[in-house]
Amino acid sequence: MQRITAIALVPLTVWLVASLVAVGAADHARTVDWIRSPAVAIALLLTIAALFHHAQLGLQVVIEDYVHPEGAKLAALIATKLLAVALATIAAFSVLKVALGS
């Protein structure tokens, strides 16, 4: 799964960087209009989902390899998963609030 998210992140990251360079000098209203585009909002949501899932999977591997006490390992894995879900939810909510806002 980590390889799949890595493959998905390649075009998404290229798109995001190119888009941010193009929109970077724009004012707030133009940036909001850009995010309100359905294709842009969907691409941002896909980027958020792939990014946080990929990061969580990478941290999971590190924890499984380097944290040896089972209790600490379990706690770290749960905390990592919950943090990834929480941050992804906040990011997705932010995009949706702008994309669907008035």
Foldseek 3Di string as FASTA:
>chain_A
DLVVLVVVLPVLVVVVVVVCVVCVVPDPVVVLVQLLPPVNLVSQLSNLVSVLVNVLVVVLVVLVVPPPDPVVSVVVNVVSVVVSVVVSVVSNVVSCCSNVPD
